[in-house]
Amino acid sequence: MNEKSLSGFEEIRHTADWALRVWAPDLSTLFTQAAQGMYRLEGVEIAPTPRVERQISVNGEDAESLLVAFLNELLYLQETERLAFDTFQCVIKDHSLDVKAQGGPINHLNKAIKAVTFHNLSIRTTSQGLETTLTFDV
């Protein structure tokens, strides 16, 4: 982890799929970093205009299932509406996540991710906050 940055992401080597290590001081920021990292892996470029806003709500049994549901919902919007997002306001309560996402149409996409998996997924507490490793099916 980069000691100078309290939140961020980095691609890590994985045999068949793509993997991303994400860290943040809190759960809301972890979700934001995970989304931004996922888009970076895909090489997404968002058009500067028009700006769009979407309300995203997902439910899950725990933080890990909320994270997977959230990222898969972003992939669904990417596939069906050709939208991607760069600004997120996340509110997490019990077993639900509500997000106000802002972004725009996708100008360019290098390679699409098919899905976010639960493979070895665990959100861990560290001395800096939280950390997880996500595996993406491509």
N, C-alpha and C. Protein backbone atom coordinates (compact mmCIF):
# COMPACT_ATOMS: atom_id res chain seq x y z
N MET A 1 0.85 -1.18 0.00
CA MET A 1 0.00 0.00 0.00
C MET A 1 0.89 1.23 0.00
N ASN A 2 0.55 2.22 -0.74
CA ASN A 2 1.26 3.48 -0.77
C ASN A 2 0.98 4.22 0.53
N GLU A 3 2.02 4.43 1.34
CA GLU A 3 1.84 5.04 2.66
C GLU A 3 1.37 6.49 2.56
N LYS A 4 1.62 7.16 1.43
CA LYS A 4 1.22 8.56 1.29
C LYS A 4 -0.26 8.72 0.96
N SER A 5 -0.88 7.67 0.47
CA SER A 5 -2.27 7.76 0.06
C SER A 5 -3.14 6.92 0.98
N LEU A 6 -4.16 7.54 1.57
CA LEU A 6 -5.06 6.82 2.45
C LEU A 6 -6.05 5.96 1.70
N SER A 7 -6.27 6.26 0.41
CA SER A 7 -7.17 5.45 -0.40
C SER A 7 -6.59 5.32 -1.80
N GLY A 8 -6.92 4.21 -2.43
CA GLY A 8 -6.43 4.00 -3.79
C GLY A 8 -6.70 2.59 -4.25
N PHE A 9 -6.06 2.25 -5.38
CA PHE A 9 -6.20 0.92 -5.96
C PHE A 9 -5.00 0.64 -6.82
N GLU A 10 -4.73 -0.65 -7.03
CA GLU A 10 -3.66 -1.06 -7.94
C GLU A 10 -4.01 -2.41 -8.53
N GLU A 11 -3.67 -2.57 -9.81
CA GLU A 11 -3.88 -3.85 -10.46
C GLU A 11 -2.85 -4.84 -9.92
N ILE A 12 -3.29 -6.07 -9.68
CA ILE A 12 -2.37 -7.11 -9.24
C ILE A 12 -2.44 -8.28 -10.21
N ARG A 13 -1.37 -9.05 -10.27
CA ARG A 13 -1.32 -10.18 -11.20
C ARG A 13 -2.31 -11.26 -10.78
N HIS A 14 -2.99 -11.81 -11.79
CA HIS A 14 -3.91 -12.92 -11.57
C HIS A 14 -3.81 -13.82 -12.79
N THR A 15 -3.91 -15.12 -12.58
CA THR A 15 -3.64 -16.08 -13.66
C THR A 15 -4.54 -15.92 -14.88
N ALA A 16 -5.84 -15.88 -14.70
CA ALA A 16 -6.75 -15.87 -15.85
C ALA A 16 -7.56 -14.59 -15.97
N ASP A 17 -8.01 -14.07 -14.86
CA ASP A 17 -8.87 -12.89 -14.86
C ASP A 17 -8.08 -11.66 -14.45
N TRP A 18 -8.77 -10.57 -14.20
CA TRP A 18 -8.12 -9.37 -13.69
C TRP A 18 -8.38 -9.28 -12.20
N ALA A 19 -7.42 -8.71 -11.47
CA ALA A 19 -7.59 -8.52 -10.03
C ALA A 19 -7.15 -7.12 -9.66
N LEU A 20 -7.75 -6.61 -8.61
CA LEU A 20 -7.52 -5.23 -8.17
C LEU A 20 -7.47 -5.21 -6.65
N ARG A 21 -6.40 -4.63 -6.09
CA ARG A 21 -6.33 -4.42 -4.65
C ARG A 21 -6.79 -3.00 -4.38
N VAL A 22 -7.70 -2.85 -3.43
CA VAL A 22 -8.31 -1.55 -3.13
C VAL A 22 -8.17 -1.30 -1.63
N TRP A 23 -7.84 -0.05 -1.27
CA TRP A 23 -7.75 0.30 0.14
C TRP A 23 -8.35 1.68 0.36
N ALA A 24 -8.84 1.91 1.58
CA ALA A 24 -9.48 3.19 1.91
C ALA A 24 -9.64 3.28 3.43
N PRO A 25 -9.84 4.50 3.94
CA PRO A 25 -10.02 4.67 5.38
C PRO A 25 -11.38 4.21 5.88
N ASP A 26 -12.38 4.13 4.97
CA ASP A 26 -13.74 3.75 5.39
C ASP A 26 -14.43 3.01 4.25
N LEU A 27 -15.57 2.41 4.55
CA LEU A 27 -16.28 1.56 3.59
C LEU A 27 -16.79 2.34 2.38
N SER A 28 -17.32 3.52 2.60
CA SER A 28 -17.84 4.33 1.50
C SER A 28 -16.73 4.66 0.50
N THR A 29 -15.58 5.06 1.00
CA THR A 29 -14.45 5.38 0.13
C THR A 29 -13.92 4.13 -0.55
N LEU A 30 -13.95 2.99 0.13
CA LEU A 30 -13.53 1.73 -0.47
C LEU A 30 -14.39 1.40 -1.69
N PHE A 31 -15.70 1.60 -1.57
CA PHE A 31 -16.61 1.34 -2.70
C PHE A 31 -16.30 2.28 -3.86
N THR A 32 -16.05 3.54 -3.57
CA THR A 32 -15.71 4.52 -4.61
C THR A 32 -14.41 4.14 -5.30
N GLN A 33 -13.39 3.79 -4.53
CA GLN A 33 -12.10 3.40 -5.11
C GLN A 33 -12.23 2.14 -5.96
N ALA A 34 -13.06 1.20 -5.51
CA ALA A 34 -13.27 -0.04 -6.27
C ALA A 34 -13.89 0.27 -7.63
N ALA A 35 -14.88 1.15 -7.65
CA ALA A 35 -15.53 1.53 -8.91
C ALA A 35 -14.54 2.23 -9.83
N GLN A 36 -13.78 3.17 -9.29
CA GLN A 36 -12.81 3.90 -10.12
C GLN A 36 -11.72 2.97 -10.64
N GLY A 37 -11.29 2.03 -9.80
CA GLY A 37 -10.29 1.06 -10.23
C GLY A 37 -10.80 0.14 -11.32
N MET A 38 -12.05 -0.30 -11.19
CA MET A 38 -12.66 -1.17 -12.19
C MET A 38 -12.69 -0.45 -13.55
N TYR A 39 -13.13 0.80 -13.55
CA TYR A 39 -13.17 1.56 -14.80
C TYR A 39 -11.76 1.75 -15.37
N ARG A 40 -10.77 1.96 -14.50
CA ARG A 40 -9.40 2.13 -14.97
C ARG A 40 -8.90 0.85 -15.65
N LEU A 41 -9.20 -0.31 -15.05
CA LEU A 41 -8.80 -1.58 -15.66
C LEU A 41 -9.38 -1.74 -17.06
N GLU A 42 -10.61 -1.30 -17.23
CA GLU A 42 -11.28 -1.42 -18.53
C GLU A 42 -10.81 -0.37 -19.54
N GLY A 43 -10.11 0.65 -19.08
CA GLY A 43 -9.71 1.72 -19.97
C GLY A 43 -10.87 2.60 -20.38
N VAL A 44 -11.81 2.81 -19.46
CA VAL A 44 -13.00 3.62 -19.75
C VAL A 44 -12.63 5.09 -19.84
N GLU A 45 -13.12 5.74 -20.88
CA GLU A 45 -13.05 7.20 -21.00
C GLU A 45 -14.47 7.72 -21.07
N ILE A 46 -14.80 8.65 -20.16
CA ILE A 46 -16.15 9.21 -20.09
C ILE A 46 -16.19 10.52 -20.86
N ALA A 47 -17.22 10.69 -21.69
CA ALA A 47 -17.41 11.94 -22.42
C ALA A 47 -17.65 13.08 -21.42
N PRO A 48 -17.09 14.26 -21.66
CA PRO A 48 -17.27 15.36 -20.72
C PRO A 48 -18.71 15.88 -20.65
N THR A 49 -19.46 15.72 -21.74
CA THR A 49 -20.87 16.13 -21.74
C THR A 49 -21.65 15.12 -22.56
N PRO A 50 -22.89 14.91 -22.32
CA PRO A 50 -23.66 15.48 -21.21
C PRO A 50 -23.36 14.73 -19.91
N ARG A 51 -23.44 15.42 -18.80
CA ARG A 51 -23.30 14.78 -17.49
C ARG A 51 -24.64 14.15 -17.13
N VAL A 52 -24.58 12.97 -16.53
CA VAL A 52 -25.80 12.28 -16.10
C VAL A 52 -25.66 11.89 -14.64
N GLU A 53 -26.80 11.66 -14.02
CA GLU A 53 -26.82 11.23 -12.62
C GLU A 53 -27.76 10.04 -12.50
N ARG A 54 -27.35 9.06 -11.75
CA ARG A 54 -28.19 7.88 -11.50
C ARG A 54 -28.19 7.59 -10.00
N GLN A 55 -29.35 7.17 -9.52
CA GLN A 55 -29.48 6.66 -8.16
C GLN A 55 -29.35 5.14 -8.26
N ILE A 56 -28.44 4.59 -7.50
CA ILE A 56 -28.21 3.15 -7.50
C ILE A 56 -28.48 2.63 -6.10
N SER A 57 -29.32 1.63 -5.99
CA SER A 57 -29.62 1.00 -4.70
C SER A 57 -29.46 -0.50 -4.83
N VAL A 58 -28.69 -1.08 -3.92
CA VAL A 58 -28.51 -2.53 -3.90
C VAL A 58 -28.59 -3.02 -2.46
N ASN A 59 -28.91 -4.28 -2.31
CA ASN A 59 -28.98 -4.92 -1.00
C ASN A 59 -28.03 -6.10 -0.98
N GLY A 60 -27.59 -6.48 0.23
CA GLY A 60 -26.71 -7.62 0.36
C GLY A 60 -26.67 -8.11 1.79
N GLU A 61 -26.12 -9.28 1.97
CA GLU A 61 -26.03 -9.88 3.30
C GLU A 61 -24.92 -9.27 4.14
N ASP A 62 -23.89 -8.74 3.48
CA ASP A 62 -22.73 -8.19 4.18
C ASP A 62 -22.06 -7.18 3.26
N ALA A 63 -20.96 -6.59 3.73
CA ALA A 63 -20.27 -5.57 2.95
C ALA A 63 -19.74 -6.12 1.63
N GLU A 64 -19.25 -7.36 1.65
CA GLU A 64 -18.73 -7.96 0.43
C GLU A 64 -19.81 -8.13 -0.63
N SER A 65 -20.97 -8.62 -0.23
CA SER A 65 -22.05 -8.80 -1.21
C SER A 65 -22.58 -7.45 -1.70
N LEU A 66 -22.58 -6.43 -0.85
CA LEU A 66 -22.96 -5.08 -1.29
C LEU A 66 -21.97 -4.57 -2.34
N LEU A 67 -20.68 -4.79 -2.11
CA LEU A 67 -19.66 -4.33 -3.05
C LEU A 67 -19.82 -5.01 -4.41
N VAL A 68 -20.00 -6.32 -4.41
CA VAL A 68 -20.17 -7.05 -5.67
C VAL A 68 -21.44 -6.59 -6.38
N ALA A 69 -22.54 -6.44 -5.65
CA ALA A 69 -23.80 -6.00 -6.26
C ALA A 69 -23.66 -4.60 -6.86
N PHE A 70 -22.99 -3.70 -6.15
CA PHE A 70 -22.77 -2.33 -6.63
C PHE A 70 -21.96 -2.33 -7.92
N LEU A 71 -20.83 -3.02 -7.92
CA LEU A 71 -19.98 -3.02 -9.11
C LEU A 71 -20.66 -3.71 -10.29
N ASN A 72 -21.39 -4.78 -10.02
CA ASN A 72 -22.13 -5.44 -11.11
C ASN A 72 -23.24 -4.56 -11.65
N GLU A 73 -23.85 -3.74 -10.81
CA GLU A 73 -24.86 -2.78 -11.29
C GLU A 73 -24.20 -1.73 -12.19
N LEU A 74 -23.00 -1.29 -11.84
CA LEU A 74 -22.28 -0.36 -12.71
C LEU A 74 -21.97 -1.01 -14.06
N LEU A 75 -21.59 -2.29 -14.04
CA LEU A 75 -21.34 -3.00 -15.29
C LEU A 75 -22.61 -3.14 -16.12
N TYR A 76 -23.75 -3.34 -15.45
CA TYR A 76 -25.04 -3.43 -16.14
C TYR A 76 -25.36 -2.10 -16.84
N LEU A 77 -25.16 -0.99 -16.15
CA LEU A 77 -25.42 0.33 -16.76
C LEU A 77 -24.44 0.60 -17.90
N GLN A 78 -23.23 0.12 -17.75
CA GLN A 78 -22.23 0.25 -18.82
C GLN A 78 -22.68 -0.51 -20.06
N GLU A 79 -23.19 -1.71 -19.87
CA GLU A 79 -23.60 -2.57 -20.99
C GLU A 79 -24.90 -2.09 -21.63
N THR A 80 -25.88 -1.71 -20.82
CA THR A 80 -27.21 -1.39 -21.35
C THR A 80 -27.37 0.06 -21.79
N GLU A 81 -26.69 0.99 -21.10
CA GLU A 81 -26.87 2.41 -21.41
C GLU A 81 -25.58 3.10 -21.88
N ARG A 82 -24.47 2.33 -21.94
CA ARG A 82 -23.16 2.89 -22.31
C ARG A 82 -22.79 4.07 -21.42
N LEU A 83 -23.04 3.92 -20.10
CA LEU A 83 -22.71 4.96 -19.13
C LEU A 83 -21.63 4.47 -18.18
N ALA A 84 -20.80 5.41 -17.74
CA ALA A 84 -19.82 5.16 -16.69
C ALA A 84 -19.83 6.37 -15.77
N PHE A 85 -19.30 6.20 -14.57
CA PHE A 85 -19.42 7.24 -13.54
C PHE A 85 -18.07 7.53 -12.92
N ASP A 86 -17.87 8.79 -12.54
CA ASP A 86 -16.61 9.18 -11.92
C ASP A 86 -16.77 9.84 -10.55
N THR A 87 -18.00 10.09 -10.15
CA THR A 87 -18.27 10.69 -8.84
C THR A 87 -19.35 9.87 -8.14
N PHE A 88 -19.08 9.53 -6.88
CA PHE A 88 -20.00 8.67 -6.13
C PHE A 88 -20.22 9.23 -4.73
N GLN A 89 -21.48 9.26 -4.31
CA GLN A 89 -21.83 9.56 -2.92
C GLN A 89 -22.53 8.32 -2.39
N CYS A 90 -21.83 7.58 -1.53
CA CYS A 90 -22.33 6.29 -1.03
C CYS A 90 -22.85 6.42 0.39
N VAL A 91 -24.02 5.86 0.62
CA VAL A 91 -24.59 5.77 1.97
C VAL A 91 -24.86 4.29 2.23
N ILE A 92 -24.18 3.75 3.24
CA ILE A 92 -24.30 2.33 3.58
C ILE A 92 -24.99 2.23 4.93
N LYS A 93 -26.09 1.49 4.95
CA LYS A 93 -26.84 1.25 6.19
C LYS A 93 -27.21 -0.21 6.25
N ASP A 94 -26.79 -0.88 7.30
CA ASP A 94 -27.10 -2.30 7.51
C ASP A 94 -26.80 -3.11 6.26
N HIS A 95 -27.83 -3.57 5.60
CA HIS A 95 -27.66 -4.44 4.44
C HIS A 95 -28.05 -3.75 3.14
N SER A 96 -27.94 -2.42 3.09
CA SER A 96 -28.29 -1.70 1.87
C SER A 96 -27.26 -0.63 1.55
N LEU A 97 -27.16 -0.34 0.27
CA LEU A 97 -26.26 0.68 -0.24
C LEU A 97 -27.06 1.56 -1.18
N ASP A 98 -27.01 2.87 -0.94
CA ASP A 98 -27.63 3.85 -1.84
C ASP A 98 -26.52 4.77 -2.33
N VAL A 99 -26.46 4.93 -3.64
CA VAL A 99 -25.39 5.71 -4.26
C VAL A 99 -25.98 6.72 -5.22
N LYS A 100 -25.50 7.96 -5.12
CA LYS A 100 -25.76 8.95 -6.16
C LYS A 100 -24.50 8.97 -7.00
N ALA A 101 -24.62 8.50 -8.25
CA ALA A 101 -23.48 8.40 -9.15
C ALA A 101 -23.62 9.43 -10.26
N GLN A 102 -22.52 10.11 -10.56
CA GLN A 102 -22.51 11.09 -11.64
C GLN A 102 -21.43 10.70 -12.64
N GLY A 103 -21.75 10.86 -13.91
CA GLY A 103 -20.81 10.49 -14.96
C GLY A 103 -21.33 10.91 -16.31
N GLY A 104 -21.14 10.04 -17.30
CA GLY A 104 -21.57 10.38 -18.64
C GLY A 104 -21.44 9.21 -19.59
N PRO A 105 -21.73 9.46 -20.86
CA PRO A 105 -21.61 8.42 -21.87
C PRO A 105 -20.15 7.97 -22.01
N ILE A 106 -19.97 6.72 -22.37
CA ILE A 106 -18.63 6.18 -22.56
C ILE A 106 -18.13 6.56 -23.95
N ASN A 107 -16.99 7.27 -23.98
CA ASN A 107 -16.33 7.62 -25.24
C ASN A 107 -15.51 6.45 -25.77
N HIS A 108 -14.85 5.74 -24.83
CA HIS A 108 -13.94 4.66 -25.23
C HIS A 108 -13.88 3.62 -24.12
N LEU A 109 -13.75 2.36 -24.54
CA LEU A 109 -13.64 1.24 -23.61
C LEU A 109 -12.67 0.24 -24.23
N ASN A 110 -11.53 -0.01 -23.55
CA ASN A 110 -10.53 -0.95 -24.09
C ASN A 110 -11.02 -2.38 -24.07
N LYS A 111 -11.45 -2.85 -22.90
CA LYS A 111 -11.91 -4.24 -22.76
C LYS A 111 -12.91 -4.30 -21.63
N ALA A 112 -14.09 -4.86 -21.91
CA ALA A 112 -15.16 -4.90 -20.92
C ALA A 112 -14.96 -6.04 -19.93
N ILE A 113 -15.27 -5.76 -18.69
CA ILE A 113 -15.34 -6.77 -17.64
C ILE A 113 -16.72 -7.39 -17.72
N LYS A 114 -16.80 -8.73 -17.63
CA LYS A 114 -18.09 -9.41 -17.67
C LYS A 114 -18.80 -9.35 -16.33
N ALA A 115 -18.04 -9.58 -15.24
CA ALA A 115 -18.66 -9.62 -13.91
C ALA A 115 -17.61 -9.49 -12.83
N VAL A 116 -18.07 -9.09 -11.66
CA VAL A 116 -17.26 -9.08 -10.45
C VAL A 116 -17.55 -10.40 -9.74
N THR A 117 -16.51 -11.06 -9.25
CA THR A 117 -16.70 -12.37 -8.62
C THR A 117 -16.51 -12.29 -7.11
N PHE A 118 -16.93 -13.35 -6.45
CA PHE A 118 -16.72 -13.49 -5.00
C PHE A 118 -15.43 -14.26 -4.70
N HIS A 119 -14.63 -14.56 -5.71
CA HIS A 119 -13.42 -15.37 -5.54
C HIS A 119 -12.48 -14.74 -4.50
N ASN A 120 -12.30 -15.42 -3.38
CA ASN A 120 -11.42 -14.97 -2.29
C ASN A 120 -11.73 -13.56 -1.80
N LEU A 121 -12.96 -13.11 -1.95
CA LEU A 121 -13.32 -11.75 -1.56
C LEU A 121 -13.52 -11.63 -0.06
N SER A 122 -12.81 -10.69 0.53
CA SER A 122 -12.93 -10.40 1.95
C SER A 122 -12.50 -8.96 2.17
N ILE A 123 -13.32 -8.19 2.86
CA ILE A 123 -12.94 -6.83 3.23
C ILE A 123 -12.27 -6.93 4.60
N ARG A 124 -11.00 -6.55 4.65
CA ARG A 124 -10.19 -6.69 5.86
C ARG A 124 -9.90 -5.34 6.49
N THR A 125 -9.82 -5.34 7.82
CA THR A 125 -9.42 -4.15 8.56
C THR A 125 -7.89 -4.13 8.65
N THR A 126 -7.30 -2.96 8.34
CA THR A 126 -5.86 -2.78 8.44
C THR A 126 -5.58 -1.60 9.36
N SER A 127 -4.32 -1.32 9.61
CA SER A 127 -3.96 -0.17 10.44
C SER A 127 -4.33 1.14 9.77
N GLN A 128 -4.49 1.12 8.44
CA GLN A 128 -4.84 2.32 7.68
C GLN A 128 -6.34 2.45 7.42
N GLY A 129 -7.11 1.39 7.68
CA GLY A 129 -8.55 1.42 7.40
C GLY A 129 -9.04 0.07 6.92
N LEU A 130 -9.41 0.00 5.64
CA LEU A 130 -9.95 -1.23 5.05
C LEU A 130 -9.21 -1.56 3.76
N GLU A 131 -9.22 -2.85 3.42
CA GLU A 131 -8.57 -3.31 2.19
C GLU A 131 -9.30 -4.53 1.67
N THR A 132 -9.34 -4.67 0.36
CA THR A 132 -9.91 -5.86 -0.26
C THR A 132 -9.22 -6.12 -1.59
N THR A 133 -9.37 -7.34 -2.06
CA THR A 133 -8.89 -7.71 -3.39
C THR A 133 -10.09 -8.22 -4.18
N LEU A 134 -10.32 -7.60 -5.33
CA LEU A 134 -11.43 -7.96 -6.20
C LEU A 134 -10.91 -8.73 -7.40
N THR A 135 -11.67 -9.74 -7.82
CA THR A 135 -11.35 -10.50 -9.02
C THR A 135 -12.48 -10.30 -10.02
N PHE A 136 -12.10 -9.96 -11.26
CA PHE A 136 -13.06 -9.67 -12.31
C PHE A 136 -12.99 -10.74 -13.39
N ASP A 137 -14.16 -11.19 -13.83
CA ASP A 137 -14.26 -12.14 -14.93
C ASP A 137 -14.27 -11.36 -16.24
N VAL A 138 -13.29 -11.64 -17.08
CA VAL A 138 -13.21 -10.97 -18.37
C VAL A 138 -13.42 -11.98 -19.46
